[in-house]
Amino acid sequence: MKIISINELEVKSEFNEGKHQHFLNNAYSEYINDPKFIKEIIEKYVNGASAMFLPKELLDVERILPVIKDRRFIESLQELNADFGENHIYEFYNEELVVFYVEDRENSIHYIAKDDLKEINFSIENLREKALENLSNNFEMKRHGENGYFMLTAGGNYESSLILLNIWNHENFMVDGNIVIGIPSRDVLLITGSKDSLNLHRIYDSVQDINETGDHIVSNKIFEFINGTFEVLK
């Protein structure tokens, strides 16, 4: 492998005539937040990057999962690769959020391309259903909190994806008003009610803070559950 260039947190490499880009923003954010784990952080990201240089694997449909991103992510991808949207699979959830589909591999998350599905003769129309089935079956959800302010956890990588499941009702989350959430990063899902001004401010402050200092950022917006869908809270 050849290192072609290093520009701050972006590294470009070349291997077997294939060119690759490595972005170290998330690794650096994790290090800044907890420097004592530098060895573990480096090992994790090196293992993830090494997957780019291994022989291509066929897609495992039992590992397909949905990932939530926002418009900022789409815009950054288009700046780097104008063909990304044409080759990969995603759909808009609302005016702000986008659903991508990935394969959760041992050391990395592989964004599924249209060619991946063709190789295993899997219909794109069945992708969302399979991803939600895997999300429901493979992760144990836990609710934390009280007094109208909750956090939902599910292993550390797919908390924000839980907005796609059919769990959003007042039996599961006893809040004042409509259910309101913040998903500042992939592993943080905060919940309160639209009439709970104190906890709305708590969510807003947490979302802004994580967007400034966290890693694997999802959105800087807050969302209200209306007619079966989360919409940007106006």
Protein backbone atom coordinates (compact mmCIF):
# COMPACT_ATOMS: atom_id res chain seq x y z
CA MET A 1 0.00 0.00 0.00
CA LYS A 2 1.22 3.50 -0.82
CA ILE A 3 0.29 6.64 1.10
CA ILE A 4 -0.41 9.25 -1.59
CA SER A 5 -1.17 12.25 0.62
CA ILE A 6 -1.97 13.33 4.17
CA ASN A 7 -4.10 16.46 4.53
CA GLU A 8 -4.97 17.07 8.20
CA LEU A 9 -7.43 14.23 9.02
CA GLU A 10 -7.75 12.91 5.46
CA VAL A 11 -5.36 10.25 4.15
CA LYS A 12 -5.29 9.03 0.54
CA SER A 13 -3.80 5.65 -0.29
CA GLU A 14 -3.31 3.34 -3.25
CA PHE A 15 -3.30 -0.43 -3.37
CA ASN A 16 -3.40 -2.76 -6.40
CA GLU A 17 -4.26 0.21 -8.64
CA GLY A 18 -7.24 1.06 -6.42
CA LYS A 19 -7.37 4.46 -4.71
CA HIS A 20 -8.88 4.94 -1.26
CA GLN A 21 -9.70 7.80 1.11
CA HIS A 22 -9.47 7.46 4.88
CA PHE A 23 -11.13 10.01 7.16
CA LEU A 24 -9.83 10.18 10.71
CA ASN A 25 -12.32 12.72 12.11
CA ASN A 26 -14.18 10.18 14.24
CA ALA A 27 -10.96 8.56 15.47
CA TYR A 28 -9.58 11.95 16.49
CA SER A 29 -12.83 12.93 18.25
CA GLU A 30 -12.79 9.67 20.21
CA TYR A 31 -9.17 10.32 21.21
CA ILE A 32 -9.86 13.91 22.30
CA ASN A 33 -12.78 12.75 24.45
CA ASP A 34 -10.78 9.97 26.12
CA PRO A 35 -7.00 10.10 25.37
CA LYS A 36 -6.12 7.15 27.59
CA PHE A 37 -7.73 4.79 25.06
CA ILE A 38 -5.46 5.88 22.21
CA LYS A 39 -4.08 2.36 21.66
CA GLU A 40 -7.55 0.81 21.44
CA ILE A 41 -8.80 3.60 19.16
CA ILE A 42 -5.88 3.19 16.74
CA GLU A 43 -6.33 -0.59 16.69
CA LYS A 44 -10.06 -0.27 15.98
CA TYR A 45 -9.65 2.12 13.08
CA VAL A 46 -6.68 0.28 11.58
CA ASN A 47 -8.71 -2.93 11.60
CA GLY A 48 -11.61 -1.11 9.96
CA ALA A 49 -9.41 0.47 7.29
CA SER A 50 -7.73 -2.86 6.48
CA ALA A 51 -11.06 -4.18 5.21
CA MET A 52 -10.68 -1.92 2.17
CA PHE A 53 -7.66 -3.91 1.00
CA LEU A 54 -9.00 -7.43 1.53
CA PRO A 55 -10.69 -9.48 -1.22
CA LYS A 56 -14.30 -8.43 -1.71
CA GLU A 57 -16.85 -10.47 0.24
CA LEU A 58 -20.37 -11.36 -0.81
CA LEU A 59 -23.04 -9.51 1.13
CA ASP A 60 -24.48 -11.32 4.16
CA VAL A 61 -28.18 -10.39 4.27
CA GLU A 62 -28.40 -11.33 7.97
CA ARG A 63 -26.02 -8.45 8.71
CA ILE A 64 -27.91 -5.77 6.76
CA LEU A 65 -28.91 -2.81 8.97
CA PRO A 66 -30.22 0.73 8.52
CA VAL A 67 -28.08 3.75 9.38
CA ILE A 68 -29.40 7.27 9.92
CA LYS A 69 -27.50 10.28 8.57
CA ASP A 70 -28.46 13.85 7.73
CA ARG A 71 -28.19 16.23 4.78
CA ARG A 72 -24.72 17.33 5.85
CA PHE A 73 -23.47 13.78 5.30
CA ILE A 74 -25.00 13.61 1.82
CA GLU A 75 -23.44 16.95 0.90
CA SER A 76 -19.99 15.88 2.13
CA LEU A 77 -20.21 12.64 0.12
CA GLN A 78 -21.19 14.45 -3.03
CA GLU A 79 -18.21 16.76 -2.65
CA LEU A 80 -15.89 13.77 -2.41
CA ASN A 81 -17.54 11.49 -4.97
CA ALA A 82 -20.16 12.78 -7.38
CA ASP A 83 -21.14 9.18 -8.26
CA PHE A 84 -21.77 8.01 -4.69
CA GLY A 85 -25.53 8.60 -4.81
CA GLU A 86 -25.81 6.83 -8.13
CA ASN A 87 -23.97 3.72 -6.97
CA HIS A 88 -25.21 3.42 -3.39
CA ILE A 89 -28.62 2.98 -1.82
CA TYR A 90 -30.32 5.50 0.41
CA GLU A 91 -33.72 7.10 0.92
CA PHE A 92 -34.89 10.31 2.57
CA TYR A 93 -36.73 9.76 5.85
CA ASN A 94 -37.80 13.40 6.19
CA GLU A 95 -36.51 16.81 5.11
CA GLU A 96 -33.43 16.41 7.29
CA LEU A 97 -32.67 12.70 7.76
CA VAL A 98 -31.53 10.03 5.32
CA VAL A 99 -31.57 6.23 5.69
CA PHE A 100 -28.55 4.32 4.37
CA TYR A 101 -28.20 0.55 4.34
CA VAL A 102 -25.03 -1.12 5.55
CA GLU A 103 -23.55 -4.50 6.25
CA ASP A 104 -22.29 -4.72 9.83
CA ARG A 105 -18.96 -6.50 9.48
CA GLU A 106 -16.59 -7.64 12.21
CA ASN A 107 -14.27 -4.62 12.05
CA SER A 108 -16.12 -2.17 9.83
CA ILE A 109 -19.45 -0.96 8.49
CA HIS A 110 -19.83 -1.45 4.74
CA TYR A 111 -22.20 0.88 2.92
CA ILE A 112 -24.19 -1.28 0.53
CA ALA A 113 -23.91 -0.52 -3.18
CA LYS A 114 -26.32 -1.58 -5.89
CA ASP A 115 -23.72 -4.01 -7.24
CA ASP A 116 -23.58 -5.77 -3.85
CA LEU A 117 -27.25 -6.68 -4.19
CA LYS A 118 -26.89 -7.80 -7.80
CA GLU A 119 -24.10 -10.21 -6.85
CA ILE A 120 -26.38 -12.11 -4.46
CA ASN A 121 -29.58 -11.56 -6.47
CA PHE A 122 -31.28 -9.72 -3.60
CA SER A 123 -34.11 -7.36 -4.47
CA ILE A 124 -33.68 -3.73 -3.50
CA GLU A 125 -37.41 -3.64 -2.70
CA ASN A 126 -36.80 -6.07 0.19
CA LEU A 127 -33.85 -4.17 1.63
CA ARG A 128 -35.71 -1.97 4.12
CA GLU A 129 -37.83 -4.84 5.45
CA LYS A 130 -34.76 -7.05 5.97
CA ALA A 131 -32.78 -4.25 7.61
CA LEU A 132 -35.57 -3.50 10.11
CA GLU A 133 -36.02 -7.21 10.83
CA ASN A 134 -32.31 -7.54 11.64
CA LEU A 135 -32.40 -4.37 13.76
CA SER A 136 -35.34 -5.71 15.78
CA ASN A 137 -33.94 -9.21 16.25
CA ASN A 138 -30.24 -8.59 16.87
CA PHE A 139 -30.17 -5.79 19.44
CA GLU A 140 -31.54 -5.59 22.95
CA MET A 141 -33.12 -2.20 23.57
CA LYS A 142 -32.99 -0.71 27.07
CA ARG A 143 -34.78 2.41 28.29
CA HIS A 144 -33.07 4.56 30.89
CA GLY A 145 -34.31 7.61 32.77
CA GLU A 146 -37.43 8.88 34.50
CA ASN A 147 -39.69 11.92 34.95
CA GLY A 148 -40.30 12.43 31.27
CA TYR A 149 -36.67 12.28 30.16
CA PHE A 150 -35.29 9.04 28.71
CA MET A 151 -32.40 7.53 26.82
CA LEU A 152 -32.67 4.41 24.66
CA THR A 153 -29.63 2.15 24.22
CA ALA A 154 -29.02 -0.81 21.92
CA GLY A 155 -25.34 -1.75 21.90
CA GLY A 156 -23.59 1.47 20.92
CA ASN A 157 -23.73 1.78 17.13
CA TYR A 158 -27.36 1.79 16.01
CA GLU A 159 -29.33 3.77 18.60
CA SER A 160 -30.31 6.47 16.09
CA SER A 161 -31.66 3.76 13.75
CA LEU A 162 -34.29 2.84 16.34
CA ILE A 163 -36.46 5.73 15.12
CA LEU A 164 -37.47 3.39 12.27
CA LEU A 165 -39.05 0.77 14.54
CA ASN A 166 -42.68 0.61 15.60
CA ILE A 167 -42.05 1.42 19.27
CA TRP A 168 -43.01 5.06 19.51
CA ASN A 169 -46.04 5.37 21.76
CA HIS A 170 -46.90 6.67 25.22
CA GLU A 171 -47.01 3.17 26.67
CA ASN A 172 -43.27 2.88 26.08
CA PHE A 173 -42.43 6.53 26.77
CA MET A 174 -44.58 8.39 29.29
CA VAL A 175 -43.90 11.97 28.25
CA ASP A 176 -45.90 15.20 28.33
CA GLY A 177 -47.21 15.92 24.82
CA ASN A 178 -45.95 14.41 21.58
CA ILE A 179 -42.77 12.34 21.71
CA VAL A 180 -39.69 14.43 20.94
CA ILE A 181 -36.21 13.01 20.30
CA GLY A 182 -32.63 14.06 19.73
CA ILE A 183 -30.19 11.86 17.79
CA PRO A 184 -26.95 13.87 17.82
CA SER A 185 -24.78 10.80 17.15
CA ARG A 186 -25.27 7.19 16.15
CA ASP A 187 -25.15 5.98 19.77
CA VAL A 188 -27.29 8.63 21.46
CA LEU A 189 -31.11 8.68 21.41
CA LEU A 190 -32.72 11.11 23.86
CA ILE A 191 -36.49 11.31 24.45
CA THR A 192 -38.93 13.73 26.10
CA GLY A 193 -42.30 15.38 25.44
CA SER A 194 -43.26 18.40 23.35
CA LYS A 195 -44.90 20.10 26.38
CA ASP A 196 -41.96 19.52 28.73
CA SER A 197 -39.99 22.76 28.39
CA LEU A 198 -37.32 21.85 30.97
CA ASN A 199 -36.41 18.55 29.33
CA LEU A 200 -36.69 20.03 25.83
CA HIS A 201 -33.91 22.42 26.81
CA ARG A 202 -31.89 19.51 28.19
CA ILE A 203 -32.16 17.66 24.89
CA TYR A 204 -31.34 20.77 22.88
CA ASP A 205 -28.22 21.45 24.95
CA SER A 206 -27.07 17.82 24.69
CA VAL A 207 -27.60 17.75 20.92
CA GLN A 208 -25.60 20.93 20.40
CA ASP A 209 -22.78 19.81 22.70
CA ILE A 210 -22.41 16.39 21.06
CA ASN A 211 -22.47 17.92 17.58
CA GLU A 212 -19.54 20.12 18.61
CA THR A 213 -17.45 17.58 20.50
CA GLY A 214 -18.73 14.07 19.67
CA ASP A 215 -17.97 11.47 17.02
CA HIS A 216 -20.13 9.68 14.44
CA ILE A 217 -22.46 12.68 14.31
CA VAL A 218 -26.01 12.23 12.99
CA SER A 219 -28.04 15.45 13.36
CA ASN A 220 -28.07 18.83 15.10
CA LYS A 221 -31.89 19.01 14.95
CA ILE A 222 -34.66 17.89 17.34
CA PHE A 223 -37.59 15.84 16.02
CA GLU A 224 -41.27 15.52 16.98
CA PHE A 225 -43.32 12.36 16.36
CA ILE A 226 -46.37 13.38 14.30
CA ASN A 227 -48.69 11.02 12.42
CA GLY A 228 -46.29 8.10 12.63
CA THR A 229 -43.13 9.94 11.55
CA PHE A 230 -40.47 12.07 13.19
CA GLU A 231 -40.42 15.57 11.74
CA VAL A 232 -38.08 18.46 12.49
CA LEU A 233 -39.38 20.32 15.55
CA LYS A 234 -40.20 23.83 14.40
